Amino acid sequence: MTLLFSGVVAYVAQQMAVPYPNIFVVLVGFYGLFFLTTKLRNSGWGLV
C-alpha cells in the first residue's frame, strides 16, 4: 500500500513538474517523519 501511495504521489509531482525541495527540507522532512513514525509505531497514528 505504501509503495502504491508513494508511486501515485511521485506521478502527481512529476506531472506537476514540481521542483526538487531544498536539501534541508528533505532532511528535516525525512528524519522528522521517520522519528515520528518510530515514536508512534505501536499506535494507529503510526500508520498515518
ModelCIF file with pLDDT and N, C-alpha, C, O atoms, coordinates in Angstrom:
data_MODEL
#
_entry.id   MODEL 
#
_entity.id                         1 
_entity.type                       polymer 
_entity.pdbx_number_of_molecules   1 
#
_entity_poly.entity_id                      1 
_entity_poly.type                           'polypeptide(L)' 
_entity_poly.nstd_linkage                   no 
_entity_poly.nstd_monomer                   no 
_entity_poly.pdbx_seq_one_letter_code       MTLLFSGVVAYVAQQMAVPYPNIFVVLVGFYGLFFLTTKLRNSGWGLV 
_entity_poly.pdbx_seq_one_letter_code_can   MTLLFSGVVAYVAQQMAVPYPNIFVVLVGFYGLFFLTTKLRNSGWGLV 
_entity_poly.pdbx_strand_id                 A 
#
loop_
_entity_poly_seq.entity_id 
_entity_poly_seq.num 
_entity_poly_seq.mon_id 
_entity_poly_seq.hetero 
1 1  MET n 
1 2  THR n 
1 3  LEU n 
1 4  LEU n 
1 5  PHE n 
1 6  SER n 
1 7  GLY n 
1 8  VAL n 
1 9  VAL n 
1 10 ALA n 
1 11 TYR n 
1 12 VAL n 
1 13 ALA n 
1 14 GLN n 
1 15 GLN n 
1 16 MET n 
1 17 ALA n 
1 18 VAL n 
1 19 PRO n 
1 20 TYR n 
1 21 PRO n 
1 22 ASN n 
1 23 ILE n 
1 24 PHE n 
1 25 VAL n 
1 26 VAL n 
1 27 LEU n 
1 28 VAL n 
1 29 GLY n 
1 30 PHE n 
1 31 TYR n 
1 32 GLY n 
1 33 LEU n 
1 34 PHE n 
1 35 PHE n 
1 36 LEU n 
1 37 THR n 
1 38 THR n 
1 39 LYS n 
1 40 LEU n 
1 41 ARG n 
1 42 ASN n 
1 43 SER n 
1 44 GLY n 
1 45 TRP n 
1 46 GLY n 
1 47 LEU n 
1 48 VAL n 
#
_struct_asym.id          A 
_struct_asym.entity_id   1 
#
loop_
_ma_qa_metric.id 
_ma_qa_metric.mode 
_ma_qa_metric.name 
_ma_qa_metric.software_group_id 
_ma_qa_metric.type 
1 global pLDDT . pLDDT 
2 local  pLDDT . pLDDT 
#
_ma_qa_metric_global.metric_id      1 
_ma_qa_metric_global.metric_value   93.62 
_ma_qa_metric_global.model_id       1 
_ma_qa_metric_global.ordinal_id     1 
#
loop_
_ma_qa_metric_local.label_asym_id 
_ma_qa_metric_local.label_comp_id 
_ma_qa_metric_local.label_seq_id 
_ma_qa_metric_local.metric_id 
_ma_qa_metric_local.metric_value 
_ma_qa_metric_local.model_id 
_ma_qa_metric_local.ordinal_id 
A MET 1  2 97.00 1 1  
A THR 2  2 97.00 1 2  
A LEU 3  2 96.00 1 3  
A LEU 4  2 97.00 1 4  
A PHE 5  2 97.00 1 5  
A SER 6  2 96.00 1 6  
A GLY 7  2 95.00 1 7  
A VAL 8  2 97.00 1 8  
A VAL 9  2 96.00 1 9  
A ALA 10 2 96.00 1 10 
A TYR 11 2 95.00 1 11 
A VAL 12 2 96.00 1 12 
A ALA 13 2 95.00 1 13 
A GLN 14 2 93.00 1 14 
A GLN 15 2 93.00 1 15 
A MET 16 2 93.00 1 16 
A ALA 17 2 90.00 1 17 
A VAL 18 2 92.00 1 18 
A PRO 19 2 92.00 1 19 
A TYR 20 2 91.00 1 20 
A PRO 21 2 90.00 1 21 
A ASN 22 2 89.00 1 22 
A ILE 23 2 83.00 1 23 
A PHE 24 2 88.00 1 24 
A VAL 25 2 91.00 1 25 
A VAL 26 2 91.00 1 26 
A LEU 27 2 88.00 1 27 
A VAL 28 2 93.00 1 28 
A GLY 29 2 94.00 1 29 
A PHE 30 2 94.00 1 30 
A TYR 31 2 93.00 1 31 
A GLY 32 2 96.00 1 32 
A LEU 33 2 96.00 1 33 
A PHE 34 2 96.00 1 34 
A PHE 35 2 96.00 1 35 
A LEU 36 2 96.00 1 36 
A THR 37 2 96.00 1 37 
A THR 38 2 95.00 1 38 
A LYS 39 2 95.00 1 39 
A LEU 40 2 95.00 1 40 
A ARG 41 2 93.00 1 41 
A ASN 42 2 92.00 1 42 
A SER 43 2 90.00 1 43 
A GLY 44 2 90.00 1 44 
A TRP 45 2 95.00 1 45 
A GLY 46 2 94.00 1 46 
A LEU 47 2 95.00 1 47 
A VAL 48 2 96.00 1 48 
#
loop_
_atom_site.group_PDB 
_atom_site.id 
_atom_site.type_symbol 
_atom_site.label_atom_id 
_atom_site.label_alt_id 
_atom_site.label_comp_id 
_atom_site.label_asym_id 
_atom_site.label_entity_id 
_atom_site.label_seq_id 
_atom_site.pdbx_PDB_ins_code 
_atom_site.Cartn_x 
_atom_site.Cartn_y 
_atom_site.Cartn_z 
_atom_site.occupancy 
_atom_site.B_iso_or_equiv 
_atom_site.pdbx_formal_charge 
_atom_site.auth_seq_id 
_atom_site.auth_comp_id 
_atom_site.auth_asym_id 
_atom_site.auth_atom_id 
_atom_site.pdbx_PDB_model_num 
ATOM 1   N N  . MET A 1 1  ? 0.822  -1.215 0.000   1.00 97.00 ? 1  MET A N  1 
ATOM 2   C CA . MET A 1 1  ? 0.000  0.000  0.000   1.00 97.00 ? 1  MET A CA 1 
ATOM 3   C C  . MET A 1 1  ? 0.853  1.261  0.000   1.00 97.00 ? 1  MET A C  1 
ATOM 4   O O  . MET A 1 1  ? 0.519  2.229  -0.684  1.00 97.00 ? 1  MET A O  1 
ATOM 5   N N  . THR A 1 2  ? 1.949  1.266  0.757   1.00 97.00 ? 2  THR A N  1 
ATOM 6   C CA . THR A 1 2  ? 2.803  2.458  0.804   1.00 97.00 ? 2  THR A CA 1 
ATOM 7   C C  . THR A 1 2  ? 3.540  2.662  -0.511  1.00 97.00 ? 2  THR A C  1 
ATOM 8   O O  . THR A 1 2  ? 3.735  3.799  -0.941  1.00 97.00 ? 2  THR A O  1 
ATOM 9   N N  . LEU A 1 3  ? 3.954  1.568  -1.157  1.00 96.00 ? 3  LEU A N  1 
ATOM 10  C CA . LEU A 1 3  ? 4.609  1.695  -2.456  1.00 96.00 ? 3  LEU A CA 1 
ATOM 11  C C  . LEU A 1 3  ? 3.640  2.245  -3.496  1.00 96.00 ? 3  LEU A C  1 
ATOM 12  O O  . LEU A 1 3  ? 4.014  3.072  -4.327  1.00 96.00 ? 3  LEU A O  1 
ATOM 13  N N  . LEU A 1 4  ? 2.397  1.783  -3.446  1.00 97.00 ? 4  LEU A N  1 
ATOM 14  C CA . LEU A 1 4  ? 1.380  2.282  -4.374  1.00 97.00 ? 4  LEU A CA 1 
ATOM 15  C C  . LEU A 1 4  ? 1.101  3.754  -4.113  1.00 97.00 ? 4  LEU A C  1 
ATOM 16  O O  . LEU A 1 4  ? 1.036  4.551  -5.049  1.00 97.00 ? 4  LEU A O  1 
ATOM 17  N N  . PHE A 1 5  ? 0.936  4.116  -2.847  1.00 97.00 ? 5  PHE A N  1 
ATOM 18  C CA . PHE A 1 5  ? 0.662  5.502  -2.478  1.00 97.00 ? 5  PHE A CA 1 
ATOM 19  C C  . PHE A 1 5  ? 1.826  6.406  -2.866  1.00 97.00 ? 5  PHE A C  1 
ATOM 20  O O  . PHE A 1 5  ? 1.628  7.495  -3.403  1.00 97.00 ? 5  PHE A O  1 
ATOM 21  N N  . SER A 1 6  ? 3.038  5.944  -2.588  1.00 96.00 ? 6  SER A N  1 
ATOM 22  C CA . SER A 1 6  ? 4.231  6.708  -2.927  1.00 96.00 ? 6  SER A CA 1 
ATOM 23  C C  . SER A 1 6  ? 4.350  6.886  -4.438  1.00 96.00 ? 6  SER A C  1 
ATOM 24  O O  . SER A 1 6  ? 4.743  7.950  -4.915  1.00 96.00 ? 6  SER A O  1 
ATOM 25  N N  . GLY A 1 7  ? 4.006  5.835  -5.188  1.00 95.00 ? 7  GLY A N  1 
ATOM 26  C CA . GLY A 1 7  ? 4.055  5.916  -6.638  1.00 95.00 ? 7  GLY A CA 1 
ATOM 27  C C  . GLY A 1 7  ? 3.063  6.919  -7.197  1.00 95.00 ? 7  GLY A C  1 
ATOM 28  O O  . GLY A 1 7  ? 3.370  7.648  -8.141  1.00 95.00 ? 7  GLY A O  1 
ATOM 29  N N  . VAL A 1 8  ? 1.865  6.955  -6.608  1.00 97.00 ? 8  VAL A N  1 
ATOM 30  C CA . VAL A 1 8  ? 0.847  7.918  -7.043  1.00 97.00 ? 8  VAL A CA 1 
ATOM 31  C C  . VAL A 1 8  ? 1.308  9.351  -6.762  1.00 97.00 ? 8  VAL A C  1 
ATOM 32  O O  . VAL A 1 8  ? 1.156  10.234 -7.607  1.00 97.00 ? 8  VAL A O  1 
ATOM 33  N N  . VAL A 1 9  ? 1.871  9.574  -5.574  1.00 96.00 ? 9  VAL A N  1 
ATOM 34  C CA . VAL A 1 9  ? 2.372  10.904 -5.215  1.00 96.00 ? 9  VAL A CA 1 
ATOM 35  C C  . VAL A 1 9  ? 3.514  11.308 -6.154  1.00 96.00 ? 9  VAL A C  1 
ATOM 36  O O  . VAL A 1 9  ? 3.575  12.452 -6.603  1.00 96.00 ? 9  VAL A O  1 
ATOM 37  N N  . ALA A 1 10 ? 4.412  10.370 -6.448  1.00 96.00 ? 10 ALA A N  1 
ATOM 38  C CA . ALA A 1 10 ? 5.524  10.651 -7.360  1.00 96.00 ? 10 ALA A CA 1 
ATOM 39  C C  . ALA A 1 10 ? 5.011  11.010 -8.746  1.00 96.00 ? 10 ALA A C  1 
ATOM 40  O O  . ALA A 1 10 ? 5.535  11.917 -9.391  1.00 96.00 ? 10 ALA A O  1 
ATOM 41  N N  . TYR A 1 11 ? 3.990  10.301 -9.201  1.00 95.00 ? 11 TYR A N  1 
ATOM 42  C CA . TYR A 1 11 ? 3.418  10.571 -10.530 1.00 95.00 ? 11 TYR A CA 1 
ATOM 43  C C  . TYR A 1 11 ? 2.799  11.964 -10.574 1.00 95.00 ? 11 TYR A C  1 
ATOM 44  O O  . TYR A 1 11 ? 2.981  12.705 -11.540 1.00 95.00 ? 11 TYR A O  1 
ATOM 45  N N  . VAL A 1 12 ? 2.063  12.311 -9.514  1.00 96.00 ? 12 VAL A N  1 
ATOM 46  C CA . VAL A 1 12 ? 1.442  13.637 -9.458  1.00 96.00 ? 12 VAL A CA 1 
ATOM 47  C C  . VAL A 1 12 ? 2.507  14.728 -9.435  1.00 96.00 ? 12 VAL A C  1 
ATOM 48  O O  . VAL A 1 12 ? 2.390  15.730 -10.139 1.00 96.00 ? 12 VAL A O  1 
ATOM 49  N N  . ALA A 1 13 ? 3.547  14.530 -8.623  1.00 95.00 ? 13 ALA A N  1 
ATOM 50  C CA . ALA A 1 13 ? 4.635  15.511 -8.540  1.00 95.00 ? 13 ALA A CA 1 
ATOM 51  C C  . ALA A 1 13 ? 5.361  15.633 -9.872  1.00 95.00 ? 13 ALA A C  1 
ATOM 52  O O  . ALA A 1 13 ? 5.776  16.724 -10.265 1.00 95.00 ? 13 ALA A O  1 
ATOM 53  N N  . GLN A 1 14 ? 5.510  14.505 -10.565 1.00 93.00 ? 14 GLN A N  1 
ATOM 54  C CA . GLN A 1 14 ? 6.181  14.509 -11.868 1.00 93.00 ? 14 GLN A CA 1 
ATOM 55  C C  . GLN A 1 14 ? 5.341  15.238 -12.908 1.00 93.00 ? 14 GLN A C  1 
ATOM 56  O O  . GLN A 1 14 ? 5.862  16.016 -13.707 1.00 93.00 ? 14 GLN A O  1 
ATOM 57  N N  . GLN A 1 15 ? 4.038  14.980 -12.890 1.00 93.00 ? 15 GLN A N  1 
ATOM 58  C CA . GLN A 1 15 ? 3.142  15.624 -13.855 1.00 93.00 ? 15 GLN A CA 1 
ATOM 59  C C  . GLN A 1 15 ? 3.027  17.130 -13.601 1.00 93.00 ? 15 GLN A C  1 
ATOM 60  O O  . GLN A 1 15 ? 2.876  17.913 -14.539 1.00 93.00 ? 15 GLN A O  1 
ATOM 61  N N  . MET A 1 16 ? 3.100  17.524 -12.341 1.00 93.00 ? 16 MET A N  1 
ATOM 62  C CA . MET A 1 16 ? 3.016  18.945 -11.995 1.00 93.00 ? 16 MET A CA 1 
ATOM 63  C C  . MET A 1 16 ? 4.357  19.654 -12.132 1.00 93.00 ? 16 MET A C  1 
ATOM 64  O O  . MET A 1 16 ? 4.446  20.871 -11.972 1.00 93.00 ? 16 MET A O  1 
ATOM 65  N N  . ALA A 1 17 ? 5.409  18.876 -12.432 1.00 90.00 ? 17 ALA A N  1 
ATOM 66  C CA . ALA A 1 17 ? 6.757  19.419 -12.609 1.00 90.00 ? 17 ALA A CA 1 
ATOM 67  C C  . ALA A 1 17 ? 7.216  20.240 -11.411 1.00 90.00 ? 17 ALA A C  1 
ATOM 68  O O  . ALA A 1 17 ? 7.786  21.320 -11.570 1.00 90.00 ? 17 ALA A O  1 
ATOM 69  N N  . VAL A 1 18 ? 6.965  19.722 -10.216 1.00 92.00 ? 18 VAL A N  1 
ATOM 70  C CA . VAL A 1 18 ? 7.381  20.440 -9.012  1.00 92.00 ? 18 VAL A CA 1 
ATOM 71  C C  . VAL A 1 18 ? 8.897  20.388 -8.893  1.00 92.00 ? 18 VAL A C  1 
ATOM 72  O O  . VAL A 1 18 ? 9.506  19.386 -9.268  1.00 92.00 ? 18 VAL A O  1 
ATOM 73  N N  . PRO A 1 19 ? 9.515  21.437 -8.383  1.00 92.00 ? 19 PRO A N  1 
ATOM 74  C CA . PRO A 1 19 ? 10.982 21.433 -8.228  1.00 92.00 ? 19 PRO A CA 1 
ATOM 75  C C  . PRO A 1 19 ? 11.400 20.545 -7.063  1.00 92.00 ? 19 PRO A C  1 
ATOM 76  O O  . PRO A 1 19 ? 10.619 20.286 -6.147  1.00 92.00 ? 19 PRO A O  1 
ATOM 77  N N  . TYR A 1 20 ? 12.653 20.084 -7.116  1.00 91.00 ? 20 TYR A N  1 
ATOM 78  C CA . TYR A 1 20 ? 13.167 19.266 -6.010  1.00 91.00 ? 20 TYR A CA 1 
ATOM 79  C C  . TYR A 1 20 ? 13.320 20.145 -4.774  1.00 91.00 ? 20 TYR A C  1 
ATOM 80  O O  . TYR A 1 20 ? 13.871 21.241 -4.871  1.00 91.00 ? 20 TYR A O  1 
ATOM 81  N N  . PRO A 1 21 ? 12.847 19.691 -3.617  1.00 90.00 ? 21 PRO A N  1 
ATOM 82  C CA . PRO A 1 21 ? 12.929 20.508 -2.409  1.00 90.00 ? 21 PRO A CA 1 
ATOM 83  C C  . PRO A 1 21 ? 14.372 20.805 -1.998  1.00 90.00 ? 21 PRO A C  1 
ATOM 84  O O  . PRO A 1 21 ? 15.296 20.081 -2.368  1.00 90.00 ? 21 PRO A O  1 
ATOM 85  N N  . ASN A 1 22 ? 14.547 21.860 -1.243  1.00 89.00 ? 22 ASN A N  1 
ATOM 86  C CA . ASN A 1 22 ? 15.847 22.182 -0.670  1.00 89.00 ? 22 ASN A CA 1 
ATOM 87  C C  . ASN A 1 22 ? 16.343 21.004 0.168   1.00 89.00 ? 22 ASN A C  1 
ATOM 88  O O  . ASN A 1 22 ? 15.549 20.327 0.820   1.00 89.00 ? 22 ASN A O  1 
ATOM 89  N N  . ILE A 1 23 ? 17.645 20.763 0.151   1.00 83.00 ? 23 ILE A N  1 
ATOM 90  C CA . ILE A 1 23 ? 18.221 19.615 0.846   1.00 83.00 ? 23 ILE A CA 1 
ATOM 91  C C  . ILE A 1 23 ? 17.880 19.610 2.332   1.00 83.00 ? 23 ILE A C  1 
ATOM 92  O O  . ILE A 1 23 ? 17.701 18.548 2.929   1.00 83.00 ? 23 ILE A O  1 
ATOM 93  N N  . PHE A 1 24 ? 17.791 20.791 2.925   1.00 88.00 ? 24 PHE A N  1 
ATOM 94  C CA . PHE A 1 24 ? 17.453 20.864 4.343   1.00 88.00 ? 24 PHE A CA 1 
ATOM 95  C C  . PHE A 1 24 ? 15.992 20.491 4.578   1.00 88.00 ? 24 PHE A C  1 
ATOM 96  O O  . PHE A 1 24 ? 15.653 19.891 5.599   1.00 88.00 ? 24 PHE A O  1 
ATOM 97  N N  . VAL A 1 25 ? 15.134 20.848 3.631   1.00 91.00 ? 25 VAL A N  1 
ATOM 98  C CA . VAL A 1 25 ? 13.719 20.451 3.718   1.00 91.00 ? 25 VAL A CA 1 
ATOM 99  C C  . VAL A 1 25 ? 13.604 18.936 3.624   1.00 91.00 ? 25 VAL A C  1 
ATOM 100 O O  . VAL A 1 25 ? 12.823 18.316 4.345   1.00 91.00 ? 25 VAL A O  1 
ATOM 101 N N  . VAL A 1 26 ? 14.393 18.343 2.724   1.00 91.00 ? 26 VAL A N  1 
ATOM 102 C CA . VAL A 1 26 ? 14.383 16.893 2.555   1.00 91.00 ? 26 VAL A CA 1 
ATOM 103 C C  . VAL A 1 26 ? 14.843 16.197 3.831   1.00 91.00 ? 26 VAL A C  1 
ATOM 104 O O  . VAL A 1 26 ? 14.213 15.242 4.285   1.00 91.00 ? 26 VAL A O  1 
ATOM 105 N N  . LEU A 1 27 ? 15.943 16.680 4.408   1.00 88.00 ? 27 LEU A N  1 
ATOM 106 C CA . LEU A 1 27 ? 16.487 16.057 5.622   1.00 88.00 ? 27 LEU A CA 1 
ATOM 107 C C  . LEU A 1 27 ? 15.537 16.201 6.805   1.00 88.00 ? 27 LEU A C  1 
ATOM 108 O O  . LEU A 1 27 ? 15.292 15.240 7.534   1.00 88.00 ? 27 LEU A O  1 
ATOM 109 N N  . VAL A 1 28 ? 15.008 17.401 6.990   1.00 93.00 ? 28 VAL A N  1 
ATOM 110 C CA . VAL A 1 28 ? 14.086 17.636 8.104   1.00 93.00 ? 28 VAL A CA 1 
ATOM 111 C C  . VAL A 1 28 ? 12.802 16.833 7.907   1.00 93.00 ? 28 VAL A C  1 
ATOM 112 O O  . VAL A 1 28 ? 12.283 16.230 8.847   1.00 93.00 ? 28 VAL A O  1 
ATOM 113 N N  . GLY A 1 29 ? 12.295 16.832 6.669   1.00 94.00 ? 29 GLY A N  1 
ATOM 114 C CA . GLY A 1 29 ? 11.071 16.100 6.382   1.00 94.00 ? 29 GLY A CA 1 
ATOM 115 C C  . GLY A 1 29 ? 11.234 14.609 6.583   1.00 94.00 ? 29 GLY A C  1 
ATOM 116 O O  . GLY A 1 29 ? 10.382 13.964 7.195   1.00 94.00 ? 29 GLY A O  1 
ATOM 117 N N  . PHE A 1 30 ? 12.329 14.053 6.068   1.00 94.00 ? 30 PHE A N  1 
ATOM 118 C CA . PHE A 1 30 ? 12.538 12.610 6.180   1.00 94.00 ? 30 PHE A CA 1 
ATOM 119 C C  . PHE A 1 30 ? 12.782 12.189 7.632   1.00 94.00 ? 30 PHE A C  1 
ATOM 120 O O  . PHE A 1 30 ? 12.079 11.329 8.163   1.00 94.00 ? 30 PHE A O  1 
ATOM 121 N N  . TYR A 1 31 ? 13.786 12.804 8.268   1.00 93.00 ? 31 TYR A N  1 
ATOM 122 C CA . TYR A 1 31 ? 14.126 12.376 9.624   1.00 93.00 ? 31 TYR A CA 1 
ATOM 123 C C  . TYR A 1 31 ? 13.039 12.730 10.633  1.00 93.00 ? 31 TYR A C  1 
ATOM 124 O O  . TYR A 1 31 ? 12.814 11.997 11.597  1.00 93.00 ? 31 TYR A O  1 
ATOM 125 N N  . GLY A 1 32 ? 12.363 13.865 10.404  1.00 96.00 ? 32 GLY A N  1 
ATOM 126 C CA . GLY A 1 32 ? 11.267 14.232 11.295  1.00 96.00 ? 32 GLY A CA 1 
ATOM 127 C C  . GLY A 1 32 ? 10.149 13.210 11.231  1.00 96.00 ? 32 GLY A C  1 
ATOM 128 O O  . GLY A 1 32 ? 9.657  12.766 12.268  1.00 96.00 ? 32 GLY A O  1 
ATOM 129 N N  . LEU A 1 33 ? 9.741  12.828 10.024  1.00 96.00 ? 33 LEU A N  1 
ATOM 130 C CA . LEU A 1 33 ? 8.667  11.853 9.864   1.00 96.00 ? 33 LEU A CA 1 
ATOM 131 C C  . LEU A 1 33 ? 9.123  10.452 10.264  1.00 96.00 ? 33 LEU A C  1 
ATOM 132 O O  . LEU A 1 33 ? 8.324  9.650  10.748  1.00 96.00 ? 33 LEU A O  1 
ATOM 133 N N  . PHE A 1 34 ? 10.410 10.156 10.061  1.00 96.00 ? 34 PHE A N  1 
ATOM 134 C CA . PHE A 1 34 ? 10.921 8.843  10.465  1.00 96.00 ? 34 PHE A CA 1 
ATOM 135 C C  . PHE A 1 34 ? 10.872 8.683  11.982  1.00 96.00 ? 34 PHE A C  1 
ATOM 136 O O  . PHE A 1 34 ? 10.397 7.668  12.491  1.00 96.00 ? 34 PHE A O  1 
ATOM 137 N N  . PHE A 1 35 ? 11.363 9.687  12.696  1.00 96.00 ? 35 PHE A N  1 
ATOM 138 C CA . PHE A 1 35 ? 11.353 9.599  14.163  1.00 96.00 ? 35 PHE A CA 1 
ATOM 139 C C  . PHE A 1 35 ? 9.933  9.665  14.715  1.00 96.00 ? 35 PHE A C  1 
ATOM 140 O O  . PHE A 1 35 ? 9.638  9.061  15.747  1.00 96.00 ? 35 PHE A O  1 
ATOM 141 N N  . LEU A 1 36 ? 9.054  10.394 14.034  1.00 96.00 ? 36 LEU A N  1 
ATOM 142 C CA . LEU A 1 36 ? 7.652  10.428 14.448  1.00 96.00 ? 36 LEU A CA 1 
ATOM 143 C C  . LEU A 1 36 ? 7.017  9.047  14.287  1.00 96.00 ? 36 LEU A C  1 
ATOM 144 O O  . LEU A 1 36 ? 6.275  8.591  15.157  1.00 96.00 ? 36 LEU A O  1 
ATOM 145 N N  . THR A 1 37 ? 7.312  8.393  13.179  1.00 96.00 ? 37 THR A N  1 
ATOM 146 C CA . THR A 1 37 ? 6.789  7.048  12.949  1.00 96.00 ? 37 THR A CA 1 
ATOM 147 C C  . THR A 1 37 ? 7.324  6.070  13.981  1.00 96.00 ? 37 THR A C  1 
ATOM 148 O O  . THR A 1 37 ? 6.594  5.208  14.470  1.00 96.00 ? 37 THR A O  1 
ATOM 149 N N  . THR A 1 38 ? 8.604  6.209  14.310  1.00 95.00 ? 38 THR A N  1 
ATOM 150 C CA . THR A 1 38 ? 9.206  5.347  15.336  1.00 95.00 ? 38 THR A CA 1 
ATOM 151 C C  . THR A 1 38 ? 8.512  5.527  16.680  1.00 95.00 ? 38 THR A C  1 
ATOM 152 O O  . THR A 1 38 ? 8.266  4.557  17.398  1.00 95.00 ? 38 THR A O  1 
ATOM 153 N N  . LYS A 1 39 ? 8.201  6.763  17.010  1.00 95.00 ? 39 LYS A N  1 
ATOM 154 C CA . LYS A 1 39 ? 7.550  7.057  18.290  1.00 95.00 ? 39 LYS A CA 1 
ATOM 155 C C  . LYS A 1 39 ? 6.114  6.527  18.325  1.00 95.00 ? 39 LYS A C  1 
ATOM 156 O O  . LYS A 1 39 ? 5.630  6.089  19.369  1.00 95.00 ? 39 LYS A O  1 
ATOM 157 N N  . LEU A 1 40 ? 5.443  6.572  17.175  1.00 95.00 ? 40 LEU A N  1 
ATOM 158 C CA . LEU A 1 40 ? 4.034  6.187  17.114  1.00 95.00 ? 40 LEU A CA 1 
ATOM 159 C C  . LEU A 1 40 ? 3.824  4.760  16.615  1.00 95.00 ? 40 LEU A C  1 
ATOM 160 O O  . LEU A 1 40 ? 2.693  4.373  16.323  1.00 95.00 ? 40 LEU A O  1 
ATOM 161 N N  . ARG A 1 41 ? 4.882  3.982  16.514  1.00 93.00 ? 41 ARG A N  1 
ATOM 162 C CA . ARG A 1 41 ? 4.821  2.671  15.862  1.00 93.00 ? 41 ARG A CA 1 
ATOM 163 C C  . ARG A 1 41 ? 3.845  1.700  16.517  1.00 93.00 ? 41 ARG A C  1 
ATOM 164 O O  . ARG A 1 41 ? 3.384  0.762  15.867  1.00 93.00 ? 41 ARG A O  1 
ATOM 165 N N  . ASN A 1 42 ? 3.523  1.906  17.781  1.00 92.00 ? 42 ASN A N  1 
ATOM 166 C CA . ASN A 1 42 ? 2.630  0.982  18.483  1.00 92.00 ? 42 ASN A CA 1 
ATOM 167 C C  . ASN A 1 42 ? 1.193  1.483  18.567  1.00 92.00 ? 42 ASN A C  1 
ATOM 168 O O  . ASN A 1 42 ? 0.384  0.940  19.319  1.00 92.00 ? 42 ASN A O  1 
ATOM 169 N N  . SER A 1 43 ? 0.884  2.503  17.805  1.00 90.00 ? 43 SER A N  1 
ATOM 170 C CA . SER A 1 43 ? -0.479 3.039  17.808  1.00 90.00 ? 43 SER A CA 1 
ATOM 171 C C  . SER A 1 43 ? -0.993 3.180  16.388  1.00 90.00 ? 43 SER A C  1 
ATOM 172 O O  . SER A 1 43 ? -0.239 3.054  15.423  1.00 90.00 ? 43 SER A O  1 
ATOM 173 N N  . GLY A 1 44 ? -2.297 3.446  16.272  1.00 90.00 ? 44 GLY A N  1 
ATOM 174 C CA . GLY A 1 44 ? -2.885 3.635  14.956  1.00 90.00 ? 44 GLY A CA 1 
ATOM 175 C C  . GLY A 1 44 ? -2.317 4.827  14.222  1.00 90.00 ? 44 GLY A C  1 
ATOM 176 O O  . GLY A 1 44 ? -2.288 4.853  12.992  1.00 90.00 ? 44 GLY A O  1 
ATOM 177 N N  . TRP A 1 45 ? -1.858 5.829  14.986  1.00 95.00 ? 45 TRP A N  1 
ATOM 178 C CA . TRP A 1 45 ? -1.261 7.008  14.356  1.00 95.00 ? 45 TRP A CA 1 
ATOM 179 C C  . TRP A 1 45 ? 0.037  6.668  13.641  1.00 95.00 ? 45 TRP A C  1 
ATOM 180 O O  . TRP A 1 45 ? 0.489  7.410  12.769  1.00 95.00 ? 45 TRP A O  1 
ATOM 181 N N  . GLY A 1 46 ? 0.636  5.535  14.018  1.00 94.00 ? 46 GLY A N  1 
ATOM 182 C CA . GLY A 1 46 ? 1.847  5.109  13.336  1.00 94.00 ? 46 GLY A CA 1 
ATOM 183 C C  . GLY A 1 46 ? 1.596  4.824  11.864  1.00 94.00 ? 46 GLY A C  1 
ATOM 184 O O  . GLY A 1 46 ? 2.469  5.046  11.025  1.00 94.00 ? 46 GLY A O  1 
ATOM 185 N N  . LEU A 1 47 ? 0.399  4.329  11.553  1.00 95.00 ? 47 LEU A N  1 
ATOM 186 C CA . LEU A 1 47 ? 0.043  4.088  10.150  1.00 95.00 ? 47 LEU A CA 1 
ATOM 187 C C  . LEU A 1 47 ? -0.067 5.406  9.391   1.00 95.00 ? 47 LEU A C  1 
ATOM 188 O O  . LEU A 1 47 ? 0.345  5.502  8.236   1.00 95.00 ? 47 LEU A O  1 
ATOM 189 N N  . VAL A 1 48 ? -0.635 6.435  10.058  1.00 96.00 ? 48 VAL A N  1 
ATOM 190 C CA . VAL A 1 48 ? -0.764 7.751  9.433   1.00 96.00 ? 48 VAL A CA 1 
ATOM 191 C C  . VAL A 1 48 ? 0.608  8.331  9.126   1.00 96.00 ? 48 VAL A C  1 
ATOM 192 O O  . VAL A 1 48 ? 0.707  9.438  8.596   1.00 96.00 ? 48 VAL A O  1 
#
